[in-house]
Protein backbone atom coordinates (compact mmCIF):
# COMPACT_ATOMS: atom_id res chain seq x y z
CA MET A 1 -12.05 -9.17 -9.70
CA ASN A 2 -11.36 -7.75 -13.16
CA VAL A 3 -8.34 -5.48 -13.52
CA ASN A 4 -8.27 -3.08 -16.49
CA GLN A 5 -5.99 -0.35 -17.80
CA GLU A 6 -7.65 0.54 -21.13
CA TYR A 7 -10.98 2.26 -21.71
CA LYS A 8 -11.81 -0.09 -24.59
CA GLN A 9 -11.96 -2.93 -22.06
CA ILE A 10 -14.96 -1.32 -20.34
CA ASN A 11 -18.50 -2.25 -21.37
CA ASN A 12 -20.49 1.00 -21.16
CA ASN A 13 -23.79 -0.89 -21.08
CA ILE A 14 -23.11 -1.98 -17.49
CA GLN A 15 -24.24 0.44 -14.80
CA ARG A 16 -21.57 1.02 -12.17
CA GLY A 17 -20.82 2.46 -8.78
CA LEU A 18 -17.37 4.06 -8.71
CA ALA A 19 -14.98 4.71 -5.85
CA LEU A 20 -12.68 7.58 -6.81
CA GLY A 21 -9.29 8.49 -5.33
CA ASN A 22 -5.57 7.67 -5.11
CA PHE A 23 -6.05 5.01 -2.39
CA ASP A 24 -2.37 4.89 -1.45
CA GLY A 25 -2.12 2.49 1.49
CA ILE A 26 -5.82 1.53 1.25
CA HIS A 27 -6.06 2.53 4.92
CA ILE A 28 -9.09 2.25 7.20
CA GLY A 29 -10.54 5.48 5.78
CA HIS A 30 -10.28 4.10 2.24
CA GLN A 31 -11.77 0.82 3.43
CA LYS A 32 -14.81 2.63 4.84
CA LEU A 33 -15.26 4.26 1.44
CA ILE A 34 -15.03 0.90 -0.34
CA MET A 35 -17.51 -0.71 2.06
CA SER A 36 -19.97 2.10 1.34
CA LEU A 37 -19.53 1.51 -2.40
CA LEU A 38 -20.17 -2.22 -2.02
CA THR A 39 -23.23 -1.77 0.20
CA LYS A 40 -24.92 0.93 -1.85
CA GLY A 41 -23.92 -0.66 -5.14
CA LYS A 42 -25.40 -4.01 -4.15
CA ASP A 43 -28.68 -2.34 -3.15
CA ARG A 44 -28.89 -0.76 -6.62
CA ASN A 45 -27.53 -3.79 -8.53
CA LEU A 46 -24.47 -1.86 -9.72
CA GLU A 47 -21.06 -3.27 -10.59
CA SER A 48 -18.57 -2.02 -7.99
CA CYS A 49 -15.54 -0.39 -9.58
CA VAL A 50 -12.52 1.40 -8.11
CA TYR A 51 -11.15 4.05 -10.47
CA THR A 52 -7.64 5.04 -9.49
CA PHE A 53 -4.22 5.69 -10.99
CA MET A 54 -1.03 3.74 -11.57
CA ASN A 55 0.89 6.84 -10.46
CA HIS A 56 0.23 9.53 -7.87
CA THR A 57 -1.53 12.69 -9.08
CA ILE A 58 0.29 15.33 -6.99
CA PRO A 59 3.71 15.20 -8.77
CA VAL A 60 2.01 15.70 -12.13
CA LEU A 61 -0.27 18.45 -10.84
CA LYS A 62 2.48 20.37 -9.05
CA ASN A 63 5.50 19.38 -11.19
CA ARG A 64 7.16 17.78 -8.17
CA GLU A 65 9.37 14.76 -7.60
CA PRO A 66 7.40 11.49 -7.39
CA ILE A 67 5.85 10.75 -4.00
CA LYS A 68 6.95 7.49 -2.38
CA TYR A 69 4.00 5.13 -2.38
CA ILE A 70 2.87 2.99 0.57
CA THR A 71 1.37 0.15 -1.46
CA ASN A 72 2.66 -0.94 -4.85
CA ILE A 73 0.29 -1.99 -7.62
CA ASP A 74 0.53 -5.74 -6.87
CA THR A 75 -0.41 -5.15 -3.25
CA LYS A 76 -3.23 -2.80 -4.21
CA ILE A 77 -4.71 -5.44 -6.49
CA LYS A 78 -4.56 -8.06 -3.72
CA VAL A 79 -6.19 -5.79 -1.15
CA PHE A 80 -9.01 -4.62 -3.43
CA LYS A 81 -9.68 -8.24 -4.38
CA THR A 82 -9.83 -9.20 -0.70
CA LEU A 83 -12.29 -6.35 -0.05
CA GLY A 84 -14.64 -7.79 -2.68
CA VAL A 85 -14.51 -5.17 -5.44
CA ASP A 86 -15.84 -6.32 -8.83
CA ARG A 87 -13.50 -4.24 -10.98
CA LEU A 88 -10.31 -2.22 -10.56
CA PHE A 89 -9.40 0.31 -13.25
CA LEU A 90 -5.81 1.56 -13.17
CA ASP A 91 -5.54 4.70 -15.26
CA THR A 92 -2.35 6.68 -15.92
CA PHE A 93 -2.50 10.23 -14.63
CA ASN A 94 -0.85 12.38 -17.30
CA ARG A 95 -1.15 15.81 -18.89
CA GLU A 96 -4.08 14.69 -21.01
CA ILE A 97 -6.11 13.56 -18.02
CA MET A 98 -5.01 16.60 -16.04
CA SER A 99 -6.19 18.96 -18.78
CA LEU A 100 -9.79 17.76 -18.55
CA SER A 101 -12.06 20.30 -16.89
CA PRO A 102 -14.18 18.97 -14.01
CA LYS A 103 -17.19 18.83 -16.34
CA GLU A 104 -15.19 17.02 -19.05
CA PHE A 105 -13.86 14.52 -16.53
CA VAL A 106 -17.36 13.67 -15.36
CA GLU A 107 -18.79 13.49 -18.88
CA GLU A 108 -15.96 11.63 -20.63
CA ILE A 109 -14.72 9.35 -17.83
CA LEU A 110 -17.54 8.79 -15.37
CA ILE A 111 -20.50 8.85 -17.76
CA ASN A 112 -19.34 7.96 -21.29
CA THR A 113 -16.76 5.38 -20.22
CA PHE A 114 -18.05 3.86 -16.98
CA ASN A 115 -21.81 4.57 -17.07
CA CYS A 116 -21.56 5.80 -13.48
CA LYS A 117 -24.73 5.80 -11.41
CA LEU A 118 -23.03 6.21 -8.04
CA ALA A 119 -19.76 7.97 -7.15
CA VAL A 120 -18.28 7.42 -3.68
CA VAL A 121 -15.54 9.86 -2.66
CA GLY A 122 -13.72 11.15 0.38
CA PHE A 123 -14.55 14.52 1.92
CA ASP A 124 -11.43 16.09 0.37
CA TYR A 125 -11.74 14.61 -3.13
CA ARG A 126 -10.53 16.85 -5.97
CA PHE A 127 -10.80 16.32 -9.71
CA GLY A 128 -10.47 18.00 -13.08
CA TYR A 129 -7.98 20.56 -14.39
CA LYS A 130 -5.54 21.61 -11.64
CA ALA A 131 -7.84 19.86 -9.14
CA GLN A 132 -10.41 22.63 -9.56
CA GLY A 133 -13.33 20.30 -8.89
CA ASP A 134 -14.38 19.56 -5.32
CA VAL A 135 -17.15 17.58 -3.64
CA GLU A 136 -19.76 20.32 -4.03
CA LEU A 137 -19.08 20.67 -7.75
CA LEU A 138 -19.27 16.90 -8.14
CA LYS A 139 -22.69 16.92 -6.47
CA ASN A 140 -23.89 19.66 -8.82
CA LEU A 141 -22.62 17.80 -11.89
CA ALA A 142 -24.28 14.63 -10.59
CA ILE A 143 -27.66 16.35 -10.79
CA THR A 144 -27.00 17.29 -14.43
CA TYR A 145 -25.73 13.85 -15.46
CA GLY A 146 -28.03 11.70 -13.37
CA PHE A 147 -25.91 9.93 -10.78
CA GLU A 148 -25.70 9.87 -7.00
CA VAL A 149 -22.74 11.07 -4.91
CA GLU A 150 -21.83 9.58 -1.53
CA VAL A 151 -19.25 11.53 0.50
CA ILE A 152 -17.31 9.78 3.25
CA ASP A 153 -16.39 11.87 6.29
CA PRO A 154 -12.89 11.77 7.79
CA VAL A 155 -12.04 8.59 9.69
CA THR A 156 -10.07 8.99 12.91
CA PHE A 157 -7.95 6.68 15.04
CA GLU A 158 -7.12 7.78 18.58
CA GLU A 159 -8.45 11.26 17.70
CA GLU A 160 -6.13 11.56 14.67
CA LYS A 161 -7.44 11.87 11.13
CA VAL A 162 -6.29 8.88 9.10
CA SER A 163 -4.39 9.83 5.96
CA SER A 164 -1.75 8.44 3.61
CA SER A 165 0.62 11.29 4.52
CA SER A 166 0.42 10.46 8.23
CA ILE A 167 1.16 6.80 7.45
CA ARG A 168 4.27 7.85 5.50
CA ASN A 169 5.42 9.89 8.50
CA TYR A 170 4.92 6.98 10.90
CA LEU A 171 6.85 4.71 8.53
CA LYS A 172 9.67 7.23 8.43
CA ASN A 173 9.75 7.24 12.25
CA GLY A 174 9.60 3.44 12.49
CA ASP A 175 6.26 3.39 14.33
CA ILE A 176 5.11 0.29 12.49
CA GLU A 177 2.42 -0.58 15.02
CA LYS A 178 0.73 2.79 14.45
CA VAL A 179 1.07 2.27 10.69
CA ASN A 180 -0.64 -1.10 10.98
CA ASN A 181 -3.46 0.35 13.09
CA LEU A 182 -4.13 3.08 10.51
CA MET A 183 -3.99 0.59 7.63
CA GLY A 184 -6.07 -2.07 9.36
CA ARG A 185 -3.48 -4.72 8.40
CA PRO A 186 0.30 -5.13 8.47
CA PHE A 187 2.49 -2.95 6.27
CA ILE A 188 3.77 -5.12 3.40
CA LEU A 189 6.81 -5.21 1.17
CA ASN A 190 6.24 -7.62 -1.68
CA ASN A 191 9.10 -8.14 -4.10
CA GLU A 192 11.71 -10.39 -5.64
CA VAL A 193 14.56 -11.98 -3.70
CA ILE A 194 17.95 -10.91 -5.06
CA HIS A 195 21.57 -11.82 -4.33
CA GLY A 196 23.14 -9.94 -1.43
CA ASP A 197 26.73 -9.86 -0.22
CA GLY A 198 26.45 -13.28 1.47
CA ARG A 199 27.53 -11.89 4.83
CA GLY A 200 24.45 -13.24 6.63
CA SER A 201 25.44 -16.84 5.88
CA LYS A 202 28.93 -16.22 7.23
CA LEU A 203 27.39 -14.91 10.45
CA GLY A 204 25.20 -18.01 10.77
CA TYR A 205 21.99 -16.26 9.75
CA PRO A 206 21.43 -16.52 5.98
CA THR A 207 19.03 -13.84 4.79
CA ALA A 208 16.74 -13.18 1.85
CA ASN A 209 17.49 -9.77 0.33
CA ILE A 210 14.66 -8.13 -1.57
CA ASN A 211 14.76 -5.71 -4.46
CA VAL A 212 12.81 -2.58 -3.53
CA ASP A 213 11.61 0.15 -5.87
CA PRO A 214 13.33 3.46 -4.95
CA PHE A 215 9.89 5.08 -4.89
CA GLN A 216 8.55 2.59 -2.32
CA ALA A 217 8.17 4.05 1.16
CA ILE A 218 10.01 1.86 3.67
CA PRO A 219 10.16 1.83 7.47
CA LYS A 220 12.93 3.52 9.43
CA SER A 221 16.19 1.59 9.68
CA GLY A 222 16.31 -1.08 12.34
CA VAL A 223 15.29 -4.66 13.12
CA TYR A 224 11.65 -5.75 12.81
CA ALA A 225 9.59 -8.77 13.77
CA THR A 226 7.98 -9.85 10.53
CA LEU A 227 5.83 -12.55 8.97
CA VAL A 228 7.03 -13.85 5.63
CA LYS A 229 4.69 -15.46 3.11
CA ILE A 230 6.30 -17.86 0.65
CA ASN A 231 4.06 -19.77 -1.77
CA GLY A 232 1.09 -19.44 0.56
CA THR A 233 2.96 -20.53 3.71
CA THR A 234 3.70 -18.07 6.54
CA HIS A 235 6.99 -18.10 8.44
CA MET A 236 8.33 -15.98 11.27
CA GLY A 237 11.06 -13.60 10.22
CA ALA A 238 13.58 -11.06 11.47
CA THR A 239 13.97 -8.22 8.97
CA PHE A 240 16.84 -5.74 8.95
CA ILE A 241 16.63 -2.38 7.18
CA GLY A 242 19.74 -0.25 7.01
CA THR A 243 23.28 0.29 5.75
CA LYS A 244 25.15 -2.31 7.88
CA PRO A 245 27.36 0.25 9.69
CA THR A 246 29.38 -2.51 11.36
CA PHE A 247 30.82 -3.29 7.92
CA SER A 248 31.08 0.36 6.78
CA SER A 249 28.45 -0.07 4.08
CA THR A 250 26.51 2.94 2.79
CA ARG A 251 23.87 1.24 0.66
CA VAL A 252 20.47 0.66 2.26
CA SER A 253 19.41 -2.98 2.10
CA ILE A 254 16.40 -4.95 3.28
CA GLU A 255 17.12 -8.51 4.30
CA THR A 256 15.19 -11.10 6.24
CA PHE A 257 16.24 -14.14 8.24
CA ILE A 258 13.36 -16.57 7.68
CA MET A 259 12.90 -19.00 10.53
CA ASP A 260 12.35 -22.67 9.69
CA HIS A 261 13.09 -22.13 6.01
CA THR A 262 16.32 -23.09 4.26
CA LYS A 263 15.37 -23.38 0.57
CA ASP A 264 16.83 -21.19 -2.18
CA LEU A 265 14.54 -18.22 -2.87
CA TYR A 266 16.53 -16.30 -5.50
CA GLY A 267 14.23 -14.93 -8.19
CA GLN A 268 11.07 -15.70 -6.23
CA SER A 269 8.65 -13.10 -4.93
CA ILE A 270 8.02 -13.06 -1.18
CA GLU A 271 5.69 -10.99 0.99
CA ILE A 272 7.08 -9.45 4.17
CA GLN A 273 4.55 -8.25 6.75
CA PHE A 274 6.01 -5.86 9.32
CA ILE A 275 4.64 -6.44 12.81
CA LYS A 276 6.87 -4.69 15.38
CA ARG A 277 10.12 -2.68 15.47
CA ILE A 278 12.52 -4.41 17.84
CA ARG A 279 15.44 -1.98 17.87
CA GLY A 280 17.27 0.64 15.85
CA GLU A 281 20.38 0.23 13.70
CA ILE A 282 23.57 -0.22 15.72
CA LYS A 283 27.25 -0.12 14.78
CA PHE A 284 29.03 -2.93 16.60
CA GLU A 285 32.73 -3.05 17.42
CA THR A 286 33.17 -6.58 16.07
CA PRO A 287 31.20 -9.13 14.02
CA HIS A 288 31.10 -11.30 17.16
CA ASP A 289 29.24 -8.55 19.04
CA LEU A 290 26.80 -8.36 16.13
CA ILE A 291 26.19 -12.13 16.25
CA LYS A 292 25.43 -11.96 19.98
CA GLN A 293 22.90 -9.19 19.33
CA ILE A 294 21.30 -11.13 16.45
CA ASP A 295 20.90 -14.11 18.80
CA LYS A 296 19.02 -11.84 21.22
CA ASP A 297 16.94 -10.33 18.41
CA ILE A 298 15.86 -13.76 17.15
CA ASP A 299 14.86 -14.91 20.66
CA HIS A 300 12.93 -11.67 21.20
CA ILE A 301 11.13 -11.92 17.85
CA LYS A 302 10.24 -15.61 18.31
CA SER A 303 8.81 -14.91 21.75
CA TYR A 304 6.84 -11.89 20.54
CA LEU A 305 5.36 -13.57 17.49
CA GLN A 306 4.58 -16.83 19.32
CA HIS A 307 2.62 -14.88 21.93
CA ASN A 308 0.75 -13.09 19.15
CA ILE A 309 0.16 -16.15 17.00
CA SER A 310 -3.30 -14.94 15.95
CA MET A 311 -1.58 -12.43 13.62
CA ILE A 312 -0.20 -15.29 11.58
CA LYS A 313 -3.64 -16.69 10.73
C-alpha cells in the first residue's frame, strides 16, 4: 500500500475509486465501506484509494477542542494495509480545505487531483465549506463530473448503529468487549515504552509503561487482560490504567506486566490489544494487599486468555 501526504505524489493519469471520510476507529461500518470500494473498484479496474485526514474535521469546522481519536495514524495505516487498500492519502484538514465549496472540493480534489471515477461514502457524509455538501449534492455533482457514487447504509450491531462516537463512549465506560465488537478487532494502543517509577519491579511485577498521546482515547481506569505484540511475537499481558491511588499518585499511567518476557523494552514500540476488563481501580490499605490482588489478577487473566487462545492467532 502506498501512503501519501502531498498532492504532487499523485499521478492524475490513474483512474481511481475513492473512499471518503474520517475513518476514526475503522469500525465495522467503515470496513463495509472499504469492502465495497475494493469490490466495485476491482470490477472497473480502478486503483482503490482512501482519502482521509491526519486530523479530525469537527474541531476545525466548529472551532472546538481536538476530539480524542480512537486509532492513531500508525494503527490506521496498518489496518488499511490489512484490508487491502492500494493507496492511503492523509491530507491535513485546515482552513484552506475547509473554505472549498462542495463544487470546488469535487473539482479540485476528487477530479483534478485523484481522477475519481467512483466515490464510496457513508450515508451521513458531509463535505465542502462548513460541511454544506451532503450525499445528494455529491450525487448531483457526480453526474456533472462523470463519476459514480456508492452510498453505504448504516451498519448496526445488536440493533445499535455503529459509530465512532459510540465507541468513544464505550471506551470511557470500560466496556472493551463492546468496543471490540463494534471495531471488528481488539482496541489497540501502539506506542513507545518509557521509564516509569519502578514500583512494579519492587512489587515483583515489572511493567512496561507506554507513552500515550493526550489526544488518544483510552479505556476507563482498571485492569485489563491484554495481548502484547513485541517484534512480531504475541505475549499475554495484564494492563493497568489509572492513577495508582494506593500510592497517592494523581498522574494517569498505562503499564503492562508482560508474561513470559523479561527483556529491556525501553525505547521500543509495542502494541497492546485490549481483550477484557477484569476489574476497576482500587485503593488498597497496604502494598501487600495490592500484591495479593495482582496475584489474583494474573491468575484470572492467564485463565481467561488461555481459554480464548484463538484470539492470539
